[in-house]
Amino acid sequence: MLELAKKWIKQRYNKPGRVFLAMVHRLDRPVAGVVLFCRTSKAAARISTQFREKTVEKQYLAVLEGDLERSGGTLVHRMVRMKHGSSRIVAGDEPESREARLSYRLLDQWDGKSLVEIDLETGRHHQIRAQFGYIGHPVMGDLRYGASAPMPDKQVALFARSLSVLHPVSGERVHLASPLPQGWPWPGDTRRPSPRPPWNWNEI
């Protein structure tokens, strides 16, 4: 994605030589939604500071396995990132563990699944996937954290719907949002108007 964006900038602005572009907000490979690039190193540094200081607002949608009993709430756990690429929920203050916190709202339920809206308060590795898997409601398709079945092309039904940051120059709040991808696994979404971005690289 980074290389595609560099090629677009080079063509759009007719830039000679190499194009600088920094990815300051990325997603897990099977996850869809908003990512953020910066075209200068100064902008990248300022936006990265916002992430460290937790002033960035991030909202996600997820389809979870099972019917949630509560209409919403807050999940707070301690997490450790493992060497093999996963994260693990741990008890107490295990060495190297960090707090993971999110709040969620139940939007709908259908066919033994729950659609939730998530406000991510910390940005731990695989946080949403690990926390919901830990409470017995893994993200649909997420075999790594307990899902019962895969989705096509190893997708997981987690979507970064919006991202809100302060503009690195003007200081104004900038709200970035993405439409749901094609094939999002919830009834009714297929009737929404185009354009809807593809979920997989081979569809670009």
Protein backbone atom coordinates (compact mmCIF):
# COMPACT_ATOMS: atom_id res chain seq x y z
CA MET A 1 0.00 0.00 0.00
CA LEU A 2 2.88 2.35 0.80
CA GLU A 3 4.44 1.77 -2.61
CA LEU A 4 1.11 2.27 -4.40
CA ALA A 5 0.63 5.57 -2.58
CA LYS A 6 4.14 6.73 -3.51
CA LYS A 7 3.47 5.97 -7.16
CA TRP A 8 0.20 7.92 -7.02
CA ILE A 9 1.89 10.97 -5.46
CA LYS A 10 4.70 10.86 -8.02
CA GLN A 11 2.19 10.83 -10.87
CA ARG A 12 -0.35 13.25 -9.34
CA TYR A 13 2.21 15.94 -8.47
CA ASN A 14 4.75 15.13 -11.20
CA LYS A 15 7.51 14.74 -8.61
CA PRO A 16 11.02 13.89 -9.81
CA GLY A 17 13.22 11.41 -7.99
CA ARG A 18 12.21 9.49 -4.90
CA VAL A 19 8.98 10.28 -3.08
CA PHE A 20 8.96 10.55 0.72
CA LEU A 21 5.94 9.03 2.40
CA ALA A 22 5.57 7.81 5.98
CA MET A 23 2.88 5.43 7.21
CA VAL A 24 1.90 6.61 10.69
CA HIS A 25 -1.19 4.46 11.19
CA ARG A 26 -1.29 0.92 9.83
CA LEU A 27 -3.62 -2.06 10.11
CA ASP A 28 -3.21 -5.80 10.50
CA ARG A 29 -3.08 -7.41 7.07
CA PRO A 30 -6.57 -9.02 7.13
CA VAL A 31 -8.23 -5.86 8.53
CA ALA A 32 -9.87 -3.18 6.35
CA GLY A 33 -10.32 0.55 6.87
CA VAL A 34 -8.52 3.85 7.34
CA VAL A 35 -4.73 4.13 7.25
CA LEU A 36 -2.78 7.39 7.45
CA PHE A 37 0.27 8.57 5.49
CA CYS A 38 2.29 11.76 5.89
CA ARG A 39 4.10 13.44 3.01
CA THR A 40 6.80 15.17 5.11
CA SER A 41 8.98 14.00 7.98
CA LYS A 42 7.86 16.96 10.12
CA ALA A 43 4.19 16.04 9.64
CA ALA A 44 4.94 12.39 10.43
CA ALA A 45 6.74 13.37 13.65
CA ARG A 46 3.87 15.60 14.79
CA ILE A 47 1.19 13.02 14.04
CA SER A 48 3.23 10.27 15.71
CA THR A 49 3.41 12.45 18.83
CA GLN A 50 -0.39 12.61 18.86
CA PHE A 51 -0.53 8.81 18.83
CA ARG A 52 1.93 8.61 21.72
CA GLU A 53 0.03 11.23 23.72
CA LYS A 54 -3.29 9.44 23.01
CA THR A 55 -5.04 12.46 21.47
CA VAL A 56 -5.97 10.52 18.32
CA GLU A 57 -9.56 9.25 18.17
CA LYS A 58 -9.97 5.80 16.57
CA GLN A 59 -13.27 4.03 15.95
CA TYR A 60 -13.77 0.49 14.66
CA LEU A 61 -16.60 -1.84 13.70
CA ALA A 62 -16.42 -5.58 14.29
CA VAL A 63 -18.63 -8.60 13.76
CA LEU A 64 -18.22 -10.88 16.78
CA GLU A 65 -19.18 -14.50 17.18
CA GLY A 66 -22.03 -15.07 19.63
CA ASP A 67 -24.72 -12.86 21.15
CA LEU A 68 -23.31 -10.30 23.56
CA GLU A 69 -25.31 -10.11 26.77
CA ARG A 70 -24.58 -6.43 27.43
CA SER A 71 -25.46 -3.42 25.26
CA GLY A 72 -22.00 -1.96 25.80
CA GLY A 73 -19.19 -1.51 28.23
CA THR A 74 -15.45 -1.18 28.72
CA LEU A 75 -12.83 -3.90 28.44
CA VAL A 76 -9.63 -3.47 30.45
CA HIS A 77 -6.91 -6.11 30.40
CA ARG A 78 -3.16 -6.49 30.70
CA MET A 79 -1.49 -7.64 27.48
CA VAL A 80 1.88 -9.01 26.46
CA ARG A 81 3.13 -9.11 22.88
CA MET A 82 4.55 -12.53 22.03
CA LYS A 83 7.61 -13.26 19.90
CA HIS A 84 5.61 -15.31 17.36
CA GLY A 85 3.43 -12.35 16.35
CA SER A 86 0.40 -12.75 18.62
CA SER A 87 -0.58 -10.94 21.81
CA ARG A 88 -1.77 -12.55 25.02
CA ILE A 89 -4.04 -11.40 27.85
CA VAL A 90 -2.33 -11.95 31.21
CA ALA A 91 -3.36 -11.69 34.84
CA GLY A 92 -2.04 -8.94 37.10
CA ASP A 93 1.14 -7.00 36.46
CA GLU A 94 3.14 -9.63 34.63
CA PRO A 95 6.53 -8.25 33.57
CA GLU A 96 6.38 -6.36 30.25
CA SER A 97 2.57 -6.35 30.25
CA ARG A 98 0.73 -3.17 29.31
CA GLU A 99 -2.82 -1.99 29.90
CA ALA A 100 -5.27 -2.45 27.03
CA ARG A 101 -8.51 -0.46 27.21
CA LEU A 102 -11.45 -0.08 24.83
CA SER A 103 -15.14 0.77 25.03
CA TYR A 104 -17.83 -0.76 22.84
CA ARG A 105 -21.51 -0.42 21.95
CA LEU A 106 -23.72 -3.19 20.63
CA LEU A 107 -25.35 -2.03 17.37
CA ASP A 108 -27.18 -5.14 16.23
CA GLN A 109 -27.42 -8.91 16.55
CA TRP A 110 -28.19 -11.46 13.84
CA ASP A 111 -27.79 -15.19 13.33
CA GLY A 112 -25.67 -15.73 16.44
CA LYS A 113 -23.38 -12.77 15.72
CA SER A 114 -23.01 -9.29 17.20
CA LEU A 115 -22.14 -6.06 15.41
CA VAL A 116 -20.26 -3.67 17.69
CA GLU A 117 -18.83 -0.17 17.46
CA ILE A 118 -15.51 0.21 19.27
CA ASP A 119 -13.65 3.25 20.57
CA LEU A 120 -10.02 2.27 20.99
CA GLU A 121 -8.46 4.01 23.98
CA THR A 122 -5.04 2.33 23.79
CA GLY A 123 -3.30 1.00 20.72
CA ARG A 124 -1.82 -2.35 21.69
CA HIS A 125 -0.81 -4.98 19.15
CA HIS A 126 -3.90 -7.02 18.08
CA GLN A 127 -5.76 -5.40 20.98
CA ILE A 128 -9.35 -5.63 19.74
CA ARG A 129 -8.87 -9.12 18.40
CA ALA A 130 -7.22 -10.41 21.59
CA GLN A 131 -9.62 -8.77 24.05
CA PHE A 132 -12.83 -9.95 22.42
CA GLY A 133 -11.35 -13.40 21.88
CA TYR A 134 -10.48 -13.52 25.58
CA ILE A 135 -14.09 -12.87 26.67
CA GLY A 136 -15.38 -15.61 24.36
CA HIS A 137 -16.58 -13.46 21.45
CA PRO A 138 -13.79 -13.57 18.85
CA VAL A 139 -13.92 -11.43 15.73
CA MET A 140 -15.51 -13.40 12.89
CA GLY A 141 -12.83 -15.15 10.82
CA ASP A 142 -10.05 -14.54 13.37
CA LEU A 143 -8.74 -18.08 13.88
CA ARG A 144 -5.71 -16.80 15.78
CA TYR A 145 -7.91 -15.57 18.62
CA GLY A 146 -10.53 -18.28 18.74
CA ALA A 147 -12.93 -17.87 15.80
CA SER A 148 -14.74 -21.07 14.85
CA ALA A 149 -14.29 -20.75 11.08
CA PRO A 150 -12.20 -18.81 8.55
CA MET A 151 -13.44 -16.17 6.12
CA PRO A 152 -12.43 -16.02 2.43
CA ASP A 153 -8.83 -14.90 1.83
CA LYS A 154 -8.11 -15.05 5.59
CA GLN A 155 -10.06 -11.86 6.28
CA VAL A 156 -11.25 -10.93 9.76
CA ALA A 157 -14.44 -8.90 10.25
CA LEU A 158 -12.72 -5.93 11.85
CA PHE A 159 -12.96 -2.52 10.19
CA ALA A 160 -11.16 0.73 11.05
CA ARG A 161 -14.07 3.04 10.33
CA SER A 162 -12.62 6.44 11.27
CA LEU A 163 -9.55 8.26 12.51
CA SER A 164 -9.43 11.80 13.89
CA VAL A 165 -6.19 13.79 14.27
CA LEU A 166 -5.06 17.40 14.54
CA HIS A 167 -3.65 18.71 11.26
CA PRO A 168 0.15 18.96 11.70
CA VAL A 169 0.26 22.54 10.30
CA SER A 170 -3.10 24.24 10.92
CA GLY A 171 -3.93 22.42 14.15
CA GLU A 172 -7.52 21.88 13.00
CA ARG A 173 -9.23 18.59 13.74
CA VAL A 174 -9.24 16.32 10.66
CA HIS A 175 -11.73 13.44 10.53
CA LEU A 176 -10.92 10.58 8.13
CA ALA A 177 -13.47 7.88 7.37
CA SER A 178 -13.80 4.91 5.02
CA PRO A 179 -16.89 3.22 3.58
CA LEU A 180 -17.32 -0.44 4.43
CA PRO A 181 -15.46 -2.74 2.03
CA GLN A 182 -17.14 -4.96 -0.51
CA GLY A 183 -18.24 -8.22 1.08
CA TRP A 184 -18.56 -6.87 4.63
CA PRO A 185 -20.40 -9.71 6.44
CA TRP A 186 -23.53 -8.02 7.73
CA PRO A 187 -26.98 -8.06 6.11
CA GLY A 188 -28.09 -4.88 4.41
CA ASP A 189 -24.64 -3.42 3.78
CA THR A 190 -24.56 -4.78 0.23
CA ARG A 191 -27.40 -2.38 -0.63
CA ARG A 192 -25.39 0.69 0.28
CA PRO A 193 -24.39 2.90 -2.67
CA SER A 194 -21.01 2.63 -4.37
CA PRO A 195 -18.16 3.28 -4.37
CA ARG A 196 -17.07 0.71 -1.84
CA PRO A 197 -13.38 -0.21 -1.67
CA PRO A 198 -12.23 -3.78 -2.32
CA TRP A 199 -11.21 -5.86 0.67
CA ASN A 200 -8.36 -7.74 -1.03
CA TRP A 201 -5.30 -6.77 -3.03
CA ASN A 202 -6.23 -9.07 -5.91
CA GLU A 203 -9.40 -7.00 -6.46
CA ILE A 204 -7.52 -3.72 -7.04
